[in-house]
Amino acid sequence: LVQAGGSLRLSCAASGSFFRINVLGWYRQYPGKERELVADITRGGSTY
């Protein structure tokens, strides 16, 4: 919980066995709405 104008930092860590992680993204979902893309980043660092 934060006031308008404030800041937060979200983190996500992947664990388990896999070959490689390609695109990583953050989505958000409002109540009663479909999940929507907020930002993503490629393995090389290109962002949307």
ModelCIF file with pLDDT and N, C-alpha, C, O atoms, coordinates in Angstrom:
data_MODEL
#
_entry.id   MODEL 
#
_entity.id                         1 
_entity.type                       polymer 
_entity.pdbx_number_of_molecules   1 
#
_entity_poly.entity_id                      1 
_entity_poly.type                           'polypeptide(L)' 
_entity_poly.nstd_linkage                   no 
_entity_poly.nstd_monomer                   no 
_entity_poly.pdbx_seq_one_letter_code       LVQAGGSLRLSCAASGSFFRINVLGWYRQYPGKERELVADITRGGSTY 
_entity_poly.pdbx_seq_one_letter_code_can   LVQAGGSLRLSCAASGSFFRINVLGWYRQYPGKERELVADITRGGSTY 
_entity_poly.pdbx_strand_id                 A 
#
loop_
_entity_poly_seq.entity_id 
_entity_poly_seq.num 
_entity_poly_seq.mon_id 
_entity_poly_seq.hetero 
1 1  LEU n 
1 2  VAL n 
1 3  GLN n 
1 4  ALA n 
1 5  GLY n 
1 6  GLY n 
1 7  SER n 
1 8  LEU n 
1 9  ARG n 
1 10 LEU n 
1 11 SER n 
1 12 CYS n 
1 13 ALA n 
1 14 ALA n 
1 15 SER n 
1 16 GLY n 
1 17 SER n 
1 18 PHE n 
1 19 PHE n 
1 20 ARG n 
1 21 ILE n 
1 22 ASN n 
1 23 VAL n 
1 24 LEU n 
1 25 GLY n 
1 26 TRP n 
1 27 TYR n 
1 28 ARG n 
1 29 GLN n 
1 30 TYR n 
1 31 PRO n 
1 32 GLY n 
1 33 LYS n 
1 34 GLU n 
1 35 ARG n 
1 36 GLU n 
1 37 LEU n 
1 38 VAL n 
1 39 ALA n 
1 40 ASP n 
1 41 ILE n 
1 42 THR n 
1 43 ARG n 
1 44 GLY n 
1 45 GLY n 
1 46 SER n 
1 47 THR n 
1 48 TYR n 
#
_struct_asym.id          A 
_struct_asym.entity_id   1 
#
loop_
_ma_qa_metric.id 
_ma_qa_metric.mode 
_ma_qa_metric.name 
_ma_qa_metric.software_group_id 
_ma_qa_metric.type 
1 global pLDDT . pLDDT 
2 local  pLDDT . pLDDT 
#
_ma_qa_metric_global.metric_id      1 
_ma_qa_metric_global.metric_value   97.08 
_ma_qa_metric_global.model_id       1 
_ma_qa_metric_global.ordinal_id     1 
#
loop_
_ma_qa_metric_local.label_asym_id 
_ma_qa_metric_local.label_comp_id 
_ma_qa_metric_local.label_seq_id 
_ma_qa_metric_local.metric_id 
_ma_qa_metric_local.metric_value 
_ma_qa_metric_local.model_id 
_ma_qa_metric_local.ordinal_id 
A LEU 1  2 98.00 1 1  
A VAL 2  2 98.00 1 2  
A GLN 3  2 98.00 1 3  
A ALA 4  2 98.00 1 4  
A GLY 5  2 98.00 1 5  
A GLY 6  2 98.00 1 6  
A SER 7  2 98.00 1 7  
A LEU 8  2 98.00 1 8  
A ARG 9  2 98.00 1 9  
A LEU 10 2 98.00 1 10 
A SER 11 2 98.00 1 11 
A CYS 12 2 98.00 1 12 
A ALA 13 2 97.00 1 13 
A ALA 14 2 97.00 1 14 
A SER 15 2 96.00 1 15 
A GLY 16 2 95.00 1 16 
A SER 17 2 93.00 1 17 
A PHE 18 2 94.00 1 18 
A PHE 19 2 95.00 1 19 
A ARG 20 2 95.00 1 20 
A ILE 21 2 96.00 1 21 
A ASN 22 2 97.00 1 22 
A VAL 23 2 98.00 1 23 
A LEU 24 2 98.00 1 24 
A GLY 25 2 98.00 1 25 
A TRP 26 2 98.00 1 26 
A TYR 27 2 98.00 1 27 
A ARG 28 2 98.00 1 28 
A GLN 29 2 98.00 1 29 
A TYR 30 2 97.00 1 30 
A PRO 31 2 94.00 1 31 
A GLY 32 2 96.00 1 32 
A LYS 33 2 97.00 1 33 
A GLU 34 2 97.00 1 34 
A ARG 35 2 98.00 1 35 
A GLU 36 2 98.00 1 36 
A LEU 37 2 98.00 1 37 
A VAL 38 2 98.00 1 38 
A ALA 39 2 98.00 1 39 
A ASP 40 2 98.00 1 40 
A ILE 41 2 98.00 1 41 
A THR 42 2 97.00 1 42 
A ARG 43 2 95.00 1 43 
A GLY 44 2 94.00 1 44 
A GLY 45 2 96.00 1 45 
A SER 46 2 98.00 1 46 
A THR 47 2 98.00 1 47 
A TYR 48 2 98.00 1 48 
#
loop_
_atom_site.group_PDB 
_atom_site.id 
_atom_site.type_symbol 
_atom_site.label_atom_id 
_atom_site.label_alt_id 
_atom_site.label_comp_id 
_atom_site.label_asym_id 
_atom_site.label_entity_id 
_atom_site.label_seq_id 
_atom_site.pdbx_PDB_ins_code 
_atom_site.Cartn_x 
_atom_site.Cartn_y 
_atom_site.Cartn_z 
_atom_site.occupancy 
_atom_site.B_iso_or_equiv 
_atom_site.pdbx_formal_charge 
_atom_site.auth_seq_id 
_atom_site.auth_comp_id 
_atom_site.auth_asym_id 
_atom_site.auth_atom_id 
_atom_site.pdbx_PDB_model_num 
ATOM 1   N N  . LEU A 1 1  ? 0.843   -1.191  0.000   1.00 98.00 ? 1  LEU A N  1 
ATOM 2   C CA . LEU A 1 1  ? 0.000   0.000   0.000   1.00 98.00 ? 1  LEU A CA 1 
ATOM 3   C C  . LEU A 1 1  ? 0.875   1.237   0.000   1.00 98.00 ? 1  LEU A C  1 
ATOM 4   O O  . LEU A 1 1  ? 1.806   1.351   0.798   1.00 98.00 ? 1  LEU A O  1 
ATOM 5   N N  . VAL A 1 2  ? 0.574   2.167   -0.901  1.00 98.00 ? 2  VAL A N  1 
ATOM 6   C CA . VAL A 1 2  ? 1.358   3.391   -1.009  1.00 98.00 ? 2  VAL A CA 1 
ATOM 7   C C  . VAL A 1 2  ? 0.440   4.535   -1.419  1.00 98.00 ? 2  VAL A C  1 
ATOM 8   O O  . VAL A 1 2  ? -0.574  4.321   -2.085  1.00 98.00 ? 2  VAL A O  1 
ATOM 9   N N  . GLN A 1 3  ? 0.802   5.751   -1.018  1.00 98.00 ? 3  GLN A N  1 
ATOM 10  C CA . GLN A 1 3  ? 0.045   6.929   -1.418  1.00 98.00 ? 3  GLN A CA 1 
ATOM 11  C C  . GLN A 1 3  ? 0.381   7.330   -2.842  1.00 98.00 ? 3  GLN A C  1 
ATOM 12  O O  . GLN A 1 3  ? 1.461   7.021   -3.346  1.00 98.00 ? 3  GLN A O  1 
ATOM 13  N N  . ALA A 1 4  ? -0.545  8.017   -3.486  1.00 98.00 ? 4  ALA A N  1 
ATOM 14  C CA . ALA A 1 4  ? -0.300  8.534   -4.824  1.00 98.00 ? 4  ALA A CA 1 
ATOM 15  C C  . ALA A 1 4  ? 0.977   9.364   -4.836  1.00 98.00 ? 4  ALA A C  1 
ATOM 16  O O  . ALA A 1 4  ? 1.219   10.173  -3.940  1.00 98.00 ? 4  ALA A O  1 
ATOM 17  N N  . GLY A 1 5  ? 1.786   9.149   -5.866  1.00 98.00 ? 5  GLY A N  1 
ATOM 18  C CA . GLY A 1 5  ? 3.070   9.816   -5.978  1.00 98.00 ? 5  GLY A CA 1 
ATOM 19  C C  . GLY A 1 5  ? 4.224   9.032   -5.407  1.00 98.00 ? 5  GLY A C  1 
ATOM 20  O O  . GLY A 1 5  ? 5.382   9.392   -5.615  1.00 98.00 ? 5  GLY A O  1 
ATOM 21  N N  . GLY A 1 6  ? 3.927   7.964   -4.688  1.00 98.00 ? 6  GLY A N  1 
ATOM 22  C CA . GLY A 1 6  ? 4.958   7.142   -4.090  1.00 98.00 ? 6  GLY A CA 1 
ATOM 23  C C  . GLY A 1 6  ? 5.517   6.109   -5.048  1.00 98.00 ? 6  GLY A C  1 
ATOM 24  O O  . GLY A 1 6  ? 5.174   6.086   -6.230  1.00 98.00 ? 6  GLY A O  1 
ATOM 25  N N  . SER A 1 7  ? 6.389   5.251   -4.520  1.00 98.00 ? 7  SER A N  1 
ATOM 26  C CA . SER A 1 7  ? 7.083   4.256   -5.331  1.00 98.00 ? 7  SER A CA 1 
ATOM 27  C C  . SER A 1 7  ? 7.038   2.883   -4.693  1.00 98.00 ? 7  SER A C  1 
ATOM 28  O O  . SER A 1 7  ? 6.966   2.751   -3.471  1.00 98.00 ? 7  SER A O  1 
ATOM 29  N N  . LEU A 1 8  ? 7.082   1.865   -5.531  1.00 98.00 ? 8  LEU A N  1 
ATOM 30  C CA . LEU A 1 8  ? 7.219   0.482   -5.118  1.00 98.00 ? 8  LEU A CA 1 
ATOM 31  C C  . LEU A 1 8  ? 8.127   -0.231  -6.107  1.00 98.00 ? 8  LEU A C  1 
ATOM 32  O O  . LEU A 1 8  ? 8.227   0.162   -7.269  1.00 98.00 ? 8  LEU A O  1 
ATOM 33  N N  . ARG A 1 9  ? 8.780   -1.273  -5.640  1.00 98.00 ? 9  ARG A N  1 
ATOM 34  C CA . ARG A 1 9  ? 9.617   -2.099  -6.501  1.00 98.00 ? 9  ARG A CA 1 
ATOM 35  C C  . ARG A 1 9  ? 9.172   -3.552  -6.380  1.00 98.00 ? 9  ARG A C  1 
ATOM 36  O O  . ARG A 1 9  ? 9.239   -4.142  -5.301  1.00 98.00 ? 9  ARG A O  1 
ATOM 37  N N  . LEU A 1 10 ? 8.718   -4.121  -7.486  1.00 98.00 ? 10 LEU A N  1 
ATOM 38  C CA . LEU A 1 10 ? 8.314   -5.514  -7.532  1.00 98.00 ? 10 LEU A CA 1 
ATOM 39  C C  . LEU A 1 10 ? 9.472   -6.375  -8.020  1.00 98.00 ? 10 LEU A C  1 
ATOM 40  O O  . LEU A 1 10 ? 10.251  -5.960  -8.879  1.00 98.00 ? 10 LEU A O  1 
ATOM 41  N N  . SER A 1 11 ? 9.574   -7.568  -7.469  1.00 98.00 ? 11 SER A N  1 
ATOM 42  C CA . SER A 1 11 ? 10.607  -8.509  -7.876  1.00 98.00 ? 11 SER A CA 1 
ATOM 43  C C  . SER A 1 11 ? 9.982   -9.867  -8.146  1.00 98.00 ? 11 SER A C  1 
ATOM 44  O O  . SER A 1 11 ? 8.965   -10.224 -7.551  1.00 98.00 ? 11 SER A O  1 
ATOM 45  N N  . CYS A 1 12 ? 10.596  -10.618 -9.045  1.00 98.00 ? 12 CYS A N  1 
ATOM 46  C CA . CYS A 1 12 ? 10.128  -11.950 -9.395  1.00 98.00 ? 12 CYS A CA 1 
ATOM 47  C C  . CYS A 1 12 ? 11.340  -12.828 -9.646  1.00 98.00 ? 12 CYS A C  1 
ATOM 48  O O  . CYS A 1 12 ? 12.232  -12.465 -10.414 1.00 98.00 ? 12 CYS A O  1 
ATOM 49  N N  . ALA A 1 13 ? 11.370  -13.980 -9.000  1.00 97.00 ? 13 ALA A N  1 
ATOM 50  C CA . ALA A 1 13 ? 12.474  -14.914 -9.150  1.00 97.00 ? 13 ALA A CA 1 
ATOM 51  C C  . ALA A 1 13 ? 11.973  -16.249 -9.686  1.00 97.00 ? 13 ALA A C  1 
ATOM 52  O O  . ALA A 1 13 ? 10.996  -16.802 -9.180  1.00 97.00 ? 13 ALA A O  1 
ATOM 53  N N  . ALA A 1 14 ? 12.642  -16.761 -10.706 1.00 97.00 ? 14 ALA A N  1 
ATOM 54  C CA . ALA A 1 14 ? 12.309  -18.059 -11.286 1.00 97.00 ? 14 ALA A CA 1 
ATOM 55  C C  . ALA A 1 14 ? 13.215  -19.138 -10.713 1.00 97.00 ? 14 ALA A C  1 
ATOM 56  O O  . ALA A 1 14 ? 14.420  -18.939 -10.561 1.00 97.00 ? 14 ALA A O  1 
ATOM 57  N N  . SER A 1 15 ? 12.623  -20.274 -10.401 1.00 96.00 ? 15 SER A N  1 
ATOM 58  C CA . SER A 1 15 ? 13.392  -21.402 -9.901  1.00 96.00 ? 15 SER A CA 1 
ATOM 59  C C  . SER A 1 15 ? 12.920  -22.686 -10.565 1.00 96.00 ? 15 SER A C  1 
ATOM 60  O O  . SER A 1 15 ? 11.825  -22.740 -11.124 1.00 96.00 ? 15 SER A O  1 
ATOM 61  N N  . GLY A 1 16 ? 13.751  -23.717 -10.501 1.00 95.00 ? 16 GLY A N  1 
ATOM 62  C CA . GLY A 1 16 ? 13.448  -24.990 -11.117 1.00 95.00 ? 16 GLY A CA 1 
ATOM 63  C C  . GLY A 1 16 ? 14.460  -25.326 -12.192 1.00 95.00 ? 16 GLY A C  1 
ATOM 64  O O  . GLY A 1 16 ? 15.506  -24.686 -12.303 1.00 95.00 ? 16 GLY A O  1 
ATOM 65  N N  . SER A 1 17 ? 14.137  -26.338 -12.985 1.00 93.00 ? 17 SER A N  1 
ATOM 66  C CA . SER A 1 17 ? 15.025  -26.781 -14.054 1.00 93.00 ? 17 SER A CA 1 
ATOM 67  C C  . SER A 1 17 ? 14.459  -26.362 -15.403 1.00 93.00 ? 17 SER A C  1 
ATOM 68  O O  . SER A 1 17 ? 13.302  -26.643 -15.714 1.00 93.00 ? 17 SER A O  1 
ATOM 69  N N  . PHE A 1 18 ? 15.274  -25.694 -16.195 1.00 94.00 ? 18 PHE A N  1 
ATOM 70  C CA . PHE A 1 18 ? 14.870  -25.267 -17.523 1.00 94.00 ? 18 PHE A CA 1 
ATOM 71  C C  . PHE A 1 18 ? 16.111  -24.940 -18.333 1.00 94.00 ? 18 PHE A C  1 
ATOM 72  O O  . PHE A 1 18 ? 17.206  -24.794 -17.790 1.00 94.00 ? 18 PHE A O  1 
ATOM 73  N N  . PHE A 1 19 ? 15.924  -24.827 -19.639 1.00 95.00 ? 19 PHE A N  1 
ATOM 74  C CA . PHE A 1 19 ? 17.044  -24.546 -20.524 1.00 95.00 ? 19 PHE A CA 1 
ATOM 75  C C  . PHE A 1 19 ? 17.387  -23.062 -20.548 1.00 95.00 ? 19 PHE A C  1 
ATOM 76  O O  . PHE A 1 19 ? 18.548  -22.686 -20.392 1.00 95.00 ? 19 PHE A O  1 
ATOM 77  N N  . ARG A 1 20 ? 16.375  -22.221 -20.743 1.00 95.00 ? 20 ARG A N  1 
ATOM 78  C CA . ARG A 1 20 ? 16.609  -20.784 -20.843 1.00 95.00 ? 20 ARG A CA 1 
ATOM 79  C C  . ARG A 1 20 ? 15.309  -20.020 -20.648 1.00 95.00 ? 20 ARG A C  1 
ATOM 80  O O  . ARG A 1 20 ? 14.230  -20.511 -20.982 1.00 95.00 ? 20 ARG A O  1 
ATOM 81  N N  . ILE A 1 21 ? 15.424  -18.818 -20.106 1.00 96.00 ? 21 ILE A N  1 
ATOM 82  C CA . ILE A 1 21 ? 14.300  -17.902 -20.004 1.00 96.00 ? 21 ILE A CA 1 
ATOM 83  C C  . ILE A 1 21 ? 14.423  -16.855 -21.096 1.00 96.00 ? 21 ILE A C  1 
ATOM 84  O O  . ILE A 1 21 ? 15.443  -16.173 -21.198 1.00 96.00 ? 21 ILE A O  1 
ATOM 85  N N  . ASN A 1 22 ? 13.389  -16.726 -21.911 1.00 97.00 ? 22 ASN A N  1 
ATOM 86  C CA . ASN A 1 22 ? 13.392  -15.700 -22.939 1.00 97.00 ? 22 ASN A CA 1 
ATOM 87  C C  . ASN A 1 22 ? 12.716  -14.435 -22.409 1.00 97.00 ? 22 ASN A C  1 
ATOM 88  O O  . ASN A 1 22 ? 13.225  -13.826 -21.468 1.00 97.00 ? 22 ASN A O  1 
ATOM 89  N N  . VAL A 1 23 ? 11.593  -14.027 -22.980 1.00 98.00 ? 23 VAL A N  1 
ATOM 90  C CA . VAL A 1 23 ? 10.950  -12.789 -22.555 1.00 98.00 ? 23 VAL A CA 1 
ATOM 91  C C  . VAL A 1 23 ? 10.370  -12.915 -21.153 1.00 98.00 ? 23 VAL A C  1 
ATOM 92  O O  . VAL A 1 23 ? 9.754   -13.924 -20.810 1.00 98.00 ? 23 VAL A O  1 
ATOM 93  N N  . LEU A 1 24 ? 10.574  -11.876 -20.350 1.00 98.00 ? 24 LEU A N  1 
ATOM 94  C CA . LEU A 1 24 ? 9.957   -11.750 -19.035 1.00 98.00 ? 24 LEU A CA 1 
ATOM 95  C C  . LEU A 1 24 ? 9.044   -10.527 -19.049 1.00 98.00 ? 24 LEU A C  1 
ATOM 96  O O  . LEU A 1 24 ? 9.390   -9.493  -19.619 1.00 98.00 ? 24 LEU A O  1 
ATOM 97  N N  . GLY A 1 25 ? 7.888   -10.651 -18.425 1.00 98.00 ? 25 GLY A N  1 
ATOM 98  C CA . GLY A 1 25 ? 6.951   -9.546  -18.439 1.00 98.00 ? 25 GLY A CA 1 
ATOM 99  C C  . GLY A 1 25 ? 6.208   -9.373  -17.134 1.00 98.00 ? 25 GLY A C  1 
ATOM 100 O O  . GLY A 1 25 ? 6.118   -10.289 -16.317 1.00 98.00 ? 25 GLY A O  1 
ATOM 101 N N  . TRP A 1 26 ? 5.674   -8.170  -16.959 1.00 98.00 ? 26 TRP A N  1 
ATOM 102 C CA . TRP A 1 26 ? 4.785   -7.863  -15.849 1.00 98.00 ? 26 TRP A CA 1 
ATOM 103 C C  . TRP A 1 26 ? 3.411   -7.517  -16.402 1.00 98.00 ? 26 TRP A C  1 
ATOM 104 O O  . TRP A 1 26 ? 3.281   -6.695  -17.309 1.00 98.00 ? 26 TRP A O  1 
ATOM 105 N N  . TYR A 1 27 ? 2.402   -8.147  -15.852 1.00 98.00 ? 27 TYR A N  1 
ATOM 106 C CA . TYR A 1 27 ? 1.013   -7.895  -16.201 1.00 98.00 ? 27 TYR A CA 1 
ATOM 107 C C  . TYR A 1 27 ? 0.274   -7.403  -14.972 1.00 98.00 ? 27 TYR A C  1 
ATOM 108 O O  . TYR A 1 27 ? 0.735   -7.588  -13.846 1.00 98.00 ? 27 TYR A O  1 
ATOM 109 N N  . ARG A 1 28 ? -0.872  -6.775  -15.188 1.00 98.00 ? 28 ARG A N  1 
ATOM 110 C CA . ARG A 1 28 ? -1.724  -6.420  -14.066 1.00 98.00 ? 28 ARG A CA 1 
ATOM 111 C C  . ARG A 1 28 ? -3.175  -6.711  -14.410 1.00 98.00 ? 28 ARG A C  1 
ATOM 112 O O  . ARG A 1 28 ? -3.551  -6.756  -15.581 1.00 98.00 ? 28 ARG A O  1 
ATOM 113 N N  . GLN A 1 29 ? -3.976  -6.907  -13.388 1.00 98.00 ? 29 GLN A N  1 
ATOM 114 C CA . GLN A 1 29 ? -5.364  -7.270  -13.569 1.00 98.00 ? 29 GLN A CA 1 
ATOM 115 C C  . GLN A 1 29 ? -6.237  -6.503  -12.587 1.00 98.00 ? 29 GLN A C  1 
ATOM 116 O O  . GLN A 1 29 ? -6.049  -6.588  -11.373 1.00 98.00 ? 29 GLN A O  1 
ATOM 117 N N  . TYR A 1 30 ? -7.204  -5.746  -13.129 1.00 97.00 ? 30 TYR A N  1 
ATOM 118 C CA . TYR A 1 30 ? -8.189  -5.066  -12.315 1.00 97.00 ? 30 TYR A CA 1 
ATOM 119 C C  . TYR A 1 30 ? -9.341  -6.023  -12.034 1.00 97.00 ? 30 TYR A C  1 
ATOM 120 O O  . TYR A 1 30 ? -9.555  -6.964  -12.798 1.00 97.00 ? 30 TYR A O  1 
ATOM 121 N N  . PRO A 1 31 ? -10.080 -5.805  -10.964 1.00 94.00 ? 31 PRO A N  1 
ATOM 122 C CA . PRO A 1 31 ? -11.228 -6.671  -10.677 1.00 94.00 ? 31 PRO A CA 1 
ATOM 123 C C  . PRO A 1 31 ? -12.215 -6.694  -11.840 1.00 94.00 ? 31 PRO A C  1 
ATOM 124 O O  . PRO A 1 31 ? -12.617 -5.646  -12.344 1.00 94.00 ? 31 PRO A O  1 
ATOM 125 N N  . GLY A 1 32 ? -12.596 -7.881  -12.256 1.00 96.00 ? 32 GLY A N  1 
ATOM 126 C CA . GLY A 1 32 ? -13.557 -8.037  -13.329 1.00 96.00 ? 32 GLY A CA 1 
ATOM 127 C C  . GLY A 1 32 ? -13.024 -7.787  -14.721 1.00 96.00 ? 32 GLY A C  1 
ATOM 128 O O  . GLY A 1 32 ? -13.790 -7.815  -15.684 1.00 96.00 ? 32 GLY A O  1 
ATOM 129 N N  . LYS A 1 33 ? -11.724 -7.541  -14.853 1.00 97.00 ? 33 LYS A N  1 
ATOM 130 C CA . LYS A 1 33 ? -11.121 -7.263  -16.153 1.00 97.00 ? 33 LYS A CA 1 
ATOM 131 C C  . LYS A 1 33 ? -10.099 -8.335  -16.520 1.00 97.00 ? 33 LYS A C  1 
ATOM 132 O O  . LYS A 1 33 ? -9.632  -9.091  -15.669 1.00 97.00 ? 33 LYS A O  1 
ATOM 133 N N  . GLU A 1 34 ? -9.765  -8.380  -17.805 1.00 97.00 ? 34 GLU A N  1 
ATOM 134 C CA . GLU A 1 34 ? -8.742  -9.304  -18.270 1.00 97.00 ? 34 GLU A CA 1 
ATOM 135 C C  . GLU A 1 34 ? -7.351  -8.794  -17.915 1.00 97.00 ? 34 GLU A C  1 
ATOM 136 O O  . GLU A 1 34 ? -7.123  -7.591  -17.794 1.00 97.00 ? 34 GLU A O  1 
ATOM 137 N N  . ARG A 1 35 ? -6.443  -9.723  -17.755 1.00 98.00 ? 35 ARG A N  1 
ATOM 138 C CA . ARG A 1 35 ? -5.065  -9.382  -17.465 1.00 98.00 ? 35 ARG A CA 1 
ATOM 139 C C  . ARG A 1 35 ? -4.448  -8.625  -18.647 1.00 98.00 ? 35 ARG A C  1 
ATOM 140 O O  . ARG A 1 35 ? -4.663  -8.993  -19.801 1.00 98.00 ? 35 ARG A O  1 
ATOM 141 N N  . GLU A 1 36 ? -3.677  -7.563  -18.353 1.00 98.00 ? 36 GLU A N  1 
ATOM 142 C CA . GLU A 1 36 ? -3.092  -6.746  -19.400 1.00 98.00 ? 36 GLU A CA 1 
ATOM 143 C C  . GLU A 1 36 ? -1.591  -6.577  -19.194 1.00 98.00 ? 36 GLU A C  1 
ATOM 144 O O  . GLU A 1 36 ? -1.100  -6.562  -18.065 1.00 98.00 ? 36 GLU A O  1 
ATOM 145 N N  . LEU A 1 37 ? -0.878  -6.450  -20.301 1.00 98.00 ? 37 LEU A N  1 
ATOM 146 C CA . LEU A 1 37 ? 0.574   -6.304  -20.262 1.00 98.00 ? 37 LEU A CA 1 
ATOM 147 C C  . LEU A 1 37 ? 0.963   -4.903  -19.820 1.00 98.00 ? 37 LEU A C  1 
ATOM 148 O O  . LEU A 1 37 ? 0.456   -3.913  -20.347 1.00 98.00 ? 37 LEU A O  1 
ATOM 149 N N  . VAL A 1 38 ? 1.860   -4.827  -18.854 1.00 98.00 ? 38 VAL A N  1 
ATOM 150 C CA . VAL A 1 38 ? 2.391   -3.563  -18.363 1.00 98.00 ? 38 VAL A CA 1 
ATOM 151 C C  . VAL A 1 38 ? 3.751   -3.267  -18.989 1.00 98.00 ? 38 VAL A C  1 
ATOM 152 O O  . VAL A 1 38 ? 3.980   -2.171  -19.500 1.00 98.00 ? 38 VAL A O  1 
ATOM 153 N N  . ALA A 1 39 ? 4.644   -4.243  -18.948 1.00 98.00 ? 39 ALA A N  1 
ATOM 154 C CA . ALA A 1 39 ? 5.985   -4.091  -19.501 1.00 98.00 ? 39 ALA A CA 1 
ATOM 155 C C  . ALA A 1 39 ? 6.596   -5.460  -19.719 1.00 98.00 ? 39 ALA A C  1 
ATOM 156 O O  . ALA A 1 39 ? 6.258   -6.413  -19.016 1.00 98.00 ? 39 ALA A O  1 
ATOM 157 N N  . ASP A 1 40 ? 7.490   -5.567  -20.684 1.00 98.00 ? 40 ASP A N  1 
ATOM 158 C CA . ASP A 1 40 ? 8.260   -6.790  -20.823 1.00 98.00 ? 40 ASP A CA 1 
ATOM 159 C C  . ASP A 1 40 ? 9.678   -6.474  -21.266 1.00 98.00 ? 40 ASP A C  1 
ATOM 160 O O  . ASP A 1 40 ? 9.984   -5.350  -21.664 1.00 98.00 ? 40 ASP A O  1 
ATOM 161 N N  . ILE A 1 41 ? 10.532  -7.475  -21.192 1.00 98.00 ? 41 ILE A N  1 
ATOM 162 C CA . ILE A 1 41 ? 11.943  -7.286  -21.500 1.00 98.00 ? 41 ILE A CA 1 
ATOM 163 C C  . ILE A 1 41 ? 12.507  -8.569  -22.083 1.00 98.00 ? 41 ILE A C  1 
ATOM 164 O O  . ILE A 1 41 ? 12.260  -9.656  -21.561 1.00 98.00 ? 41 ILE A O  1 
ATOM 165 N N  . THR A 1 42 ? 13.264  -8.444  -23.162 1.00 97.00 ? 42 THR A N  1 
ATOM 166 C CA . THR A 1 42 ? 13.889  -9.601  -23.782 1.00 97.00 ? 42 THR A CA 1 
ATOM 167 C C  . THR A 1 42 ? 15.156  -9.977  -23.034 1.00 97.00 ? 42 THR A C  1 
ATOM 168 O O  . THR A 1 42 ? 15.616  -9.247  -22.156 1.00 97.00 ? 42 THR A O  1 
ATOM 169 N N  . ARG A 1 43 ? 15.708  -11.120 -23.392 1.00 95.00 ? 43 ARG A N  1 
ATOM 170 C CA . ARG A 1 43 ? 16.933  -11.565 -22.760 1.00 95.00 ? 43 ARG A CA 1 
ATOM 171 C C  . ARG A 1 43 ? 18.078  -10.580 -23.006 1.00 95.00 ? 43 ARG A C  1 
ATOM 172 O O  . ARG A 1 43 ? 18.961  -10.425 -22.163 1.00 95.00 ? 43 ARG A O  1 
ATOM 173 N N  . GLY A 1 44 ? 18.059  -9.920  -24.159 1.00 94.00 ? 44 GLY A N  1 
ATOM 174 C CA . GLY A 1 44 ? 19.087  -8.950  -24.488 1.00 94.00 ? 44 GLY A CA 1 
ATOM 175 C C  . GLY A 1 44 ? 18.847  -7.565  -23.937 1.00 94.00 ? 44 GLY A C  1 
ATOM 176 O O  . GLY A 1 44 ? 19.701  -6.691  -24.085 1.00 94.00 ? 44 GLY A O  1 
ATOM 177 N N  . GLY A 1 45 ? 17.692  -7.334  -23.296 1.00 96.00 ? 45 GLY A N  1 
ATOM 178 C CA . GLY A 1 45 ? 17.436  -6.066  -22.643 1.00 96.00 ? 45 GLY A CA 1 
ATOM 179 C C  . GLY A 1 45 ? 16.516  -5.106  -23.372 1.00 96.00 ? 45 GLY A C  1 
ATOM 180 O O  . GLY A 1 45 ? 16.323  -3.985  -22.902 1.00 96.00 ? 45 GLY A O  1 
ATOM 181 N N  . SER A 1 46 ? 15.941  -5.497  -24.500 1.00 98.00 ? 46 SER A N  1 
ATOM 182 C CA . SER A 1 46 ? 14.972  -4.643  -25.178 1.00 98.00 ? 46 SER A CA 1 
ATOM 183 C C  . SER A 1 46 ? 13.669  -4.616  -24.391 1.00 98.00 ? 46 SER A C  1 
ATOM 184 O O  . SER A 1 46 ? 13.211  -5.651  -23.907 1.00 98.00 ? 46 SER A O  1 
ATOM 185 N N  . THR A 1 47 ? 13.070  -3.429  -24.260 1.00 98.00 ? 47 THR A N  1 
ATOM 186 C CA . THR A 1 47 ? 11.902  -3.268  -23.396 1.00 98.00 ? 47 THR A CA 1 
ATOM 187 C C  . THR A 1 47 ? 10.687  -2.749  -24.141 1.00 98.00 ? 47 THR A C  1 
ATOM 188 O O  . THR A 1 47 ? 10.796  -2.105  -25.184 1.00 98.00 ? 47 THR A O  1 
ATOM 189 N N  . TYR A 1 48 ? 9.536   -3.045  -23.577 1.00 98.00 ? 48 TYR A N  1 
ATOM 190 C CA . TYR A 1 48 ? 8.259   -2.521  -24.033 1.00 98.00 ? 48 TYR A CA 1 
ATOM 191 C C  . TYR A 1 48 ? 7.483   -2.039  -22.816 1.00 98.00 ? 48 TYR A C  1 
ATOM 192 O O  . TYR A 1 48 ? 6.362   -1.550  -22.952 1.00 98.00 ? 48 TYR A O  1 
#
